[in-house]
Amino acid sequence: MAEKKTGKSRAAGAVRRRRKPAGLSTGLAATELQAAAPTGEVAALHRTIEDDGGRVLAVYREPYGGRWVLLAALPIEQVAPTPHQRNLSDTHVRKLEGVIGKLGRFLDPIIAVRANEGTEGGARYWTPNGHHRLSAMKTLGAKSITAIVLPETTAAYQILALNTEKAHNLREKALEVIRMYTELARLGEATEETYALEFEEPSFITLGLCYEERPRFSGGAYQPVLKRVEAFLNKPLRAALAVRQQRARALLDLDDLVIRQVEALRARGLSSPYLKSFVVARINPVRFRPKEAEPLSFDDALDRMAKAAAKFNPEKIKLDDLARSGGAPDESE
């Protein structure tokens, strides 16, 4: 029997190398995107959009595959999501409404194709990628929406495969926020509240500082607590940064206590991907706190958690307790 080949194992914590560019260039140069005459199909779609009350803003070939597309403003009432699309996320739509409304700009065109005849609701265009943006713009009362219109109606069933952008995880968000925070702190006397939209959540600031000092920090275990006790600080960023650094230090000190208890559980033979989340949940002072109770401050919550972590007794924990805990697997310590 042939020997099984074994690949080289990657050392723990080693950084995965990025794929190198292919070496050969492909697609069109910037000067070639409008260098040719549009096809008859594209010209016909141009006339159709104008007949529908829309306006074609540009006609060009997309730079990778060289296929024709039209950038157009479409009457918003004539656009609907493809019927096979997933349901809306109300949370995401509300966030988009807030961002578009606050910025006063819509900058991310949807993708659209001409709808099949007899479409329910009378829509003349389908969007296979832009359902949430379309819904937000309709709620805000927009009259039109910009769209990249593709001549191929079949793209309505293919383009979902292109929607593969990886969402930011907690570490990426937190690091992005604290880097932006540090830069903004050098530029003026604005407060955290001024940049609430950009920072998204106050906990990301504290977690970002923790991740900078401890890249393998398990921020996800603490995020449920921080979301309940953190708030944007109404003081200049440079002054607020000192407070954030103190909070990050307190959180890292707490994490040291939690790690010791996790190691004690492992020494007893308890093995689970949820160990850290389990310990943090056990010492969480807001988990079962009545809604009518006065909210805990960050300092009060962390102080209670530190005392509870010191008193935590691994000897009393059973495997069944872990099995019932559920939750998301811990990040690497």
Protein backbone atom coordinates (compact mmCIF):
# COMPACT_ATOMS: atom_id res chain seq x y z
CA MET A 1 0.00 0.00 0.00
CA ALA A 2 1.35 3.43 -0.90
CA GLU A 3 2.51 5.53 1.98
CA LYS A 4 0.22 8.38 2.97
CA LYS A 5 1.80 11.71 2.26
CA THR A 6 1.99 14.08 5.16
CA GLY A 7 2.12 17.80 4.63
CA LYS A 8 4.30 20.09 6.66
CA SER A 9 2.50 21.23 9.75
CA ARG A 10 2.38 24.92 10.47
CA ALA A 11 3.81 26.03 13.80
CA ALA A 12 1.26 27.31 16.28
CA GLY A 13 0.83 31.05 15.94
CA ALA A 14 2.72 31.18 12.64
CA VAL A 15 1.41 33.72 10.14
CA ARG A 16 -0.08 32.20 7.00
CA ARG A 17 1.63 33.53 3.90
CA ARG A 18 -0.53 35.37 1.44
CA ARG A 19 -0.83 33.99 -2.07
CA LYS A 20 1.49 35.73 -4.49
CA PRO A 21 0.02 37.48 -7.54
CA ALA A 22 -0.22 35.23 -10.58
CA GLY A 23 2.59 37.12 -12.31
CA LEU A 24 0.66 37.59 -15.55
CA SER A 25 -1.61 40.60 -15.93
CA THR A 26 -5.14 40.13 -17.21
CA GLY A 27 -8.22 42.15 -18.01
CA LEU A 28 -8.35 45.66 -19.38
CA ALA A 29 -6.26 48.73 -18.73
CA ALA A 30 -8.05 51.80 -17.42
CA THR A 31 -7.90 53.49 -20.83
CA GLU A 32 -9.55 50.47 -22.50
CA LEU A 33 -12.78 50.39 -20.47
CA GLN A 34 -14.58 52.70 -22.91
CA ALA A 35 -12.35 52.21 -25.94
CA ALA A 36 -14.79 50.05 -27.93
CA ALA A 37 -18.34 50.58 -29.17
CA PRO A 38 -21.08 48.93 -27.05
CA THR A 39 -22.84 45.89 -28.47
CA GLY A 40 -26.39 46.01 -29.80
CA GLU A 41 -27.65 44.31 -26.62
CA VAL A 42 -26.09 47.04 -24.49
CA ALA A 43 -27.46 49.80 -26.72
CA ALA A 44 -30.94 48.29 -26.46
CA LEU A 45 -30.70 48.15 -22.65
CA HIS A 46 -29.56 51.80 -22.69
CA ARG A 47 -32.76 52.79 -24.54
CA THR A 48 -34.91 50.64 -22.25
CA ILE A 49 -33.57 52.28 -19.11
CA GLU A 50 -34.25 55.74 -20.53
CA ASP A 51 -37.77 54.67 -21.63
CA ASP A 52 -38.40 53.44 -18.06
CA GLY A 53 -37.68 56.91 -16.71
CA GLY A 54 -34.11 56.18 -15.67
CA ARG A 55 -30.87 57.77 -16.75
CA VAL A 56 -27.70 56.03 -17.96
CA LEU A 57 -24.70 57.73 -16.39
CA ALA A 58 -21.93 55.68 -17.99
CA VAL A 59 -21.39 52.67 -20.24
CA TYR A 60 -18.14 50.74 -19.89
CA ARG A 61 -16.56 47.31 -19.70
CA GLU A 62 -15.72 46.01 -16.24
CA PRO A 63 -11.94 45.69 -15.85
CA TYR A 64 -11.49 41.99 -15.13
CA GLY A 65 -13.67 40.09 -17.61
CA GLY A 66 -14.24 42.95 -20.04
CA ARG A 67 -18.04 42.56 -20.07
CA TRP A 68 -20.27 45.54 -20.68
CA VAL A 69 -22.13 47.17 -17.79
CA LEU A 70 -24.16 50.35 -17.41
CA LEU A 71 -24.04 52.70 -14.45
CA ALA A 72 -27.54 54.10 -14.19
CA ALA A 73 -29.97 55.96 -11.95
CA LEU A 74 -33.19 53.94 -11.74
CA PRO A 75 -36.61 55.03 -10.43
CA ILE A 76 -36.57 53.35 -7.04
CA GLU A 77 -40.16 52.12 -7.24
CA GLN A 78 -39.21 50.04 -10.29
CA VAL A 79 -36.54 48.04 -8.42
CA ALA A 80 -37.17 44.95 -6.28
CA PRO A 81 -35.01 42.18 -4.83
CA THR A 82 -34.80 38.92 -6.73
CA PRO A 83 -37.57 36.59 -5.52
CA HIS A 84 -35.11 33.87 -4.46
CA GLN A 85 -33.09 36.16 -2.18
CA ARG A 86 -32.64 35.65 1.56
CA ASN A 87 -34.78 37.59 4.03
CA LEU A 88 -33.82 41.05 5.18
CA SER A 89 -31.93 41.59 8.41
CA ASP A 90 -33.86 44.35 10.20
CA THR A 91 -30.79 45.21 12.26
CA HIS A 92 -28.62 45.67 9.17
CA VAL A 93 -31.25 47.75 7.39
CA ARG A 94 -31.67 50.05 10.39
CA LYS A 95 -27.90 50.50 10.56
CA LEU A 96 -27.76 51.40 6.86
CA GLU A 97 -30.61 53.86 7.28
CA GLY A 98 -28.74 55.55 10.11
CA VAL A 99 -25.44 55.72 8.23
CA ILE A 100 -26.92 56.98 4.95
CA GLY A 101 -29.11 59.48 6.80
CA LYS A 102 -26.25 60.82 8.91
CA LEU A 103 -23.75 61.06 6.06
CA GLY A 104 -26.35 62.42 3.65
CA ARG A 105 -24.86 60.30 0.87
CA PHE A 106 -25.52 57.03 -0.94
CA LEU A 107 -22.20 55.87 -2.40
CA ASP A 108 -22.47 52.12 -2.94
CA PRO A 109 -24.52 51.27 -6.08
CA ILE A 110 -26.61 48.14 -6.08
CA ILE A 111 -26.36 45.50 -8.79
CA ALA A 112 -29.40 45.20 -11.07
CA VAL A 113 -30.69 43.34 -14.11
CA ARG A 114 -33.82 43.81 -16.21
CA ALA A 115 -36.56 41.73 -14.60
CA ASN A 116 -38.44 39.02 -16.43
CA GLU A 117 -41.80 39.97 -17.91
CA GLY A 118 -44.78 39.60 -15.60
CA THR A 119 -42.76 40.09 -12.42
CA GLU A 120 -44.90 40.20 -9.30
CA GLY A 121 -45.39 43.76 -8.04
CA GLY A 122 -44.62 45.28 -11.43
CA ALA A 123 -40.92 45.83 -10.80
CA ARG A 124 -38.89 46.26 -13.97
CA TYR A 125 -35.49 45.63 -12.36
CA TRP A 126 -34.21 43.00 -9.97
CA THR A 127 -31.33 43.46 -7.58
CA PRO A 128 -29.54 40.23 -6.67
CA ASN A 129 -26.99 42.16 -4.59
CA GLY A 130 -28.34 45.23 -2.83
CA HIS A 131 -31.54 44.17 -1.03
CA HIS A 132 -30.61 45.90 2.24
CA ARG A 133 -29.37 49.08 0.55
CA LEU A 134 -32.54 49.25 -1.56
CA SER A 135 -34.77 48.78 1.49
CA ALA A 136 -32.92 51.46 3.43
CA MET A 137 -33.17 53.96 0.58
CA LYS A 138 -36.90 53.28 0.17
CA THR A 139 -37.49 53.82 3.89
CA LEU A 140 -35.55 57.09 3.73
CA GLY A 141 -37.85 58.25 0.90
CA ALA A 142 -35.32 58.28 -1.96
CA LYS A 143 -36.76 58.82 -5.44
CA SER A 144 -34.03 56.98 -7.32
CA ILE A 145 -31.12 54.66 -6.72
CA THR A 146 -27.83 54.21 -8.56
CA ALA A 147 -27.19 50.76 -9.93
CA ILE A 148 -24.67 48.85 -11.99
CA VAL A 149 -27.00 47.28 -14.54
CA LEU A 150 -25.87 44.09 -16.26
CA PRO A 151 -27.23 43.11 -19.68
CA GLU A 152 -27.28 39.39 -18.80
CA THR A 153 -30.47 38.59 -16.87
CA THR A 154 -28.95 35.24 -15.92
CA ALA A 155 -26.55 37.17 -13.69
CA ALA A 156 -29.41 37.39 -11.20
CA TYR A 157 -28.70 33.76 -10.39
CA GLN A 158 -24.91 33.92 -10.60
CA ILE A 159 -23.85 37.06 -8.80
CA LEU A 160 -24.70 35.80 -5.32
CA ALA A 161 -21.64 33.60 -5.67
CA LEU A 162 -19.54 36.77 -5.96
CA ASN A 163 -20.89 38.09 -2.66
CA THR A 164 -18.16 36.30 -0.67
CA GLU A 165 -16.51 39.19 1.15
CA LYS A 166 -15.49 38.04 4.62
CA ALA A 167 -17.10 40.04 7.40
CA HIS A 168 -14.83 41.57 10.03
CA ASN A 169 -14.45 39.41 13.11
CA LEU A 170 -14.24 40.98 16.56
CA ARG A 171 -10.43 41.21 16.58
CA GLU A 172 -10.35 42.92 13.17
CA LYS A 173 -13.05 45.41 14.15
CA ALA A 174 -11.42 46.25 17.47
CA LEU A 175 -7.96 46.75 15.97
CA GLU A 176 -9.37 48.89 13.17
CA VAL A 177 -11.21 51.07 15.69
CA ILE A 178 -8.27 51.61 18.04
CA ARG A 179 -5.94 52.48 15.13
CA MET A 180 -8.48 55.01 13.87
CA TYR A 181 -8.95 56.28 17.44
CA THR A 182 -5.21 56.83 17.95
CA GLU A 183 -4.94 58.78 14.69
CA LEU A 184 -8.00 60.94 15.45
CA ALA A 185 -6.68 61.68 18.94
CA ARG A 186 -3.70 63.44 17.34
CA LEU A 187 -5.84 65.59 15.08
CA GLY A 188 -8.08 67.51 17.47
CA GLU A 189 -10.14 67.77 20.63
CA ALA A 190 -13.21 65.81 19.47
CA THR A 191 -14.81 63.35 21.88
CA GLU A 192 -15.58 59.65 21.52
CA GLU A 193 -19.24 60.56 21.10
CA THR A 194 -18.31 62.66 18.04
CA TYR A 195 -17.11 59.50 16.31
CA ALA A 196 -19.76 57.11 17.62
CA LEU A 197 -20.73 56.21 14.05
CA GLU A 198 -17.17 55.42 13.04
CA PHE A 199 -16.29 53.49 16.22
CA GLU A 200 -19.63 51.61 16.15
CA GLU A 201 -19.39 50.27 19.74
CA PRO A 202 -17.48 51.67 22.74
CA SER A 203 -16.30 48.19 23.71
CA PHE A 204 -14.28 47.97 20.48
CA ILE A 205 -11.98 50.73 21.78
CA THR A 206 -11.08 48.90 24.99
CA LEU A 207 -10.82 45.55 23.22
CA GLY A 208 -8.59 47.06 20.55
CA LEU A 209 -6.06 48.10 23.17
CA CYS A 210 -6.19 44.57 24.63
CA TYR A 211 -5.59 43.00 21.23
CA GLU A 212 -2.64 45.32 20.59
CA GLU A 213 -0.95 44.15 23.77
CA ARG A 214 -2.11 40.53 23.58
CA PRO A 215 -2.82 39.49 19.96
CA ARG A 216 -4.31 36.14 21.01
CA PHE A 217 -6.63 37.74 23.54
CA SER A 218 -10.08 36.09 23.71
CA GLY A 219 -12.17 39.22 23.38
CA GLY A 220 -15.30 37.35 22.38
CA ALA A 221 -15.60 35.88 25.87
CA TYR A 222 -15.83 39.36 27.42
CA GLN A 223 -17.82 41.19 24.74
CA PRO A 224 -21.29 40.30 26.19
CA VAL A 225 -20.29 41.94 29.49
CA LEU A 226 -18.60 44.95 27.92
CA LYS A 227 -21.60 45.74 25.74
CA ARG A 228 -23.63 46.17 28.94
CA VAL A 229 -21.17 48.32 30.90
CA GLU A 230 -19.30 50.37 28.27
CA ALA A 231 -20.37 53.77 26.92
CA PHE A 232 -18.72 56.43 24.78
CA LEU A 233 -16.78 58.89 26.93
CA ASN A 234 -17.74 62.56 26.63
CA LYS A 235 -14.20 63.90 26.87
CA PRO A 236 -11.46 64.68 24.32
CA LEU A 237 -9.97 61.61 22.72
CA ARG A 238 -6.50 62.21 24.12
CA ALA A 239 -7.87 62.35 27.68
CA ALA A 240 -10.28 59.48 27.04
CA LEU A 241 -7.44 57.33 25.72
CA ALA A 242 -5.82 57.29 29.17
CA VAL A 243 -9.08 56.01 30.65
CA ARG A 244 -9.33 53.35 27.95
CA GLN A 245 -5.78 52.21 28.64
CA GLN A 246 -6.61 51.78 32.32
CA ARG A 247 -9.70 49.76 31.39
CA ALA A 248 -7.71 47.58 29.02
CA ARG A 249 -5.15 46.91 31.75
CA ALA A 250 -7.93 45.90 34.16
CA LEU A 251 -9.43 43.60 31.54
CA LEU A 252 -6.08 41.94 30.83
CA ASP A 253 -5.48 41.44 34.58
CA LEU A 254 -8.89 39.79 34.81
CA ASP A 255 -8.01 37.64 31.84
CA ASP A 256 -4.90 36.42 33.67
CA LEU A 257 -7.13 35.24 36.53
CA VAL A 258 -9.53 33.53 34.12
CA ILE A 259 -6.68 31.79 32.28
CA ARG A 260 -5.44 30.32 35.56
CA GLN A 261 -8.88 28.90 36.28
CA VAL A 262 -9.13 27.53 32.74
CA GLU A 263 -5.78 25.80 33.20
CA ALA A 264 -7.02 24.34 36.50
CA LEU A 265 -10.05 22.90 34.75
CA ARG A 266 -7.86 21.36 32.08
CA ALA A 267 -5.60 19.87 34.79
CA ARG A 268 -8.68 18.07 36.09
CA GLY A 269 -9.16 16.51 32.66
CA LEU A 270 -12.00 18.77 31.53
CA SER A 271 -11.63 19.50 27.84
CA SER A 272 -13.96 21.75 25.88
CA PRO A 273 -13.68 24.54 23.28
CA TYR A 274 -15.91 26.62 25.57
CA LEU A 275 -13.78 26.65 28.74
CA LYS A 276 -12.94 30.35 28.84
CA SER A 277 -16.43 31.43 27.84
CA PHE A 278 -17.78 29.09 30.53
CA VAL A 279 -15.64 30.65 33.28
CA VAL A 280 -16.42 34.21 32.17
CA ALA A 281 -20.14 33.41 32.09
CA ARG A 282 -19.92 32.07 35.66
CA ILE A 283 -18.38 35.30 36.93
CA ASN A 284 -20.49 37.67 34.79
CA PRO A 285 -22.22 40.11 37.20
CA VAL A 286 -24.76 41.37 34.64
CA ARG A 287 -25.90 38.03 33.22
CA PHE A 288 -28.88 37.66 35.57
CA ARG A 289 -29.05 41.24 36.81
CA PRO A 290 -32.67 42.54 36.85
CA LYS A 291 -33.43 45.05 34.13
CA GLU A 292 -34.79 47.49 36.70
CA ALA A 293 -31.54 47.41 38.68
CA GLU A 294 -29.16 50.34 38.39
CA PRO A 295 -26.62 49.67 35.59
CA LEU A 296 -23.14 48.70 36.67
CA SER A 297 -20.21 50.88 35.70
CA PHE A 298 -17.21 49.37 33.94
CA ASP A 299 -15.05 49.61 37.07
CA ASP A 300 -17.71 48.07 39.31
CA ALA A 301 -18.34 45.19 36.87
CA LEU A 302 -14.65 44.39 36.45
CA ASP A 303 -14.07 44.55 40.22
CA ARG A 304 -16.89 42.08 40.84
CA MET A 305 -15.62 39.78 38.10
CA ALA A 306 -12.08 39.81 39.51
CA LYS A 307 -13.35 38.88 42.98
CA ALA A 308 -15.58 36.13 41.54
CA ALA A 309 -12.69 34.76 39.44
CA ALA A 310 -10.49 34.54 42.53
CA LYS A 311 -13.21 32.61 44.38
CA PHE A 312 -14.02 30.32 41.42
CA ASN A 313 -13.58 26.67 42.47
CA PRO A 314 -12.66 24.35 39.57
CA GLU A 315 -13.18 21.31 41.84
CA LYS A 316 -16.94 21.92 41.84
CA ILE A 317 -17.26 21.95 38.05
CA LYS A 318 -18.56 18.81 36.36
CA LEU A 319 -18.51 17.79 32.71
CA ASP A 320 -22.29 18.16 32.56
CA ASP A 321 -21.93 21.82 33.54
CA LEU A 322 -19.75 22.41 30.48
CA ALA A 323 -22.07 20.46 28.20
CA ARG A 324 -24.99 22.69 29.19
CA SER A 325 -23.03 25.92 28.71
CA GLY A 326 -23.05 25.92 24.87
CA GLY A 327 -21.98 29.19 23.29
CA ALA A 328 -19.33 29.97 20.72
CA PRO A 329 -15.92 28.29 20.94
CA ASP A 330 -13.23 30.39 22.62
CA GLU A 331 -10.65 32.26 20.59
CA SER A 332 -7.07 31.24 21.26
CA GLU A 333 -5.71 32.55 24.54
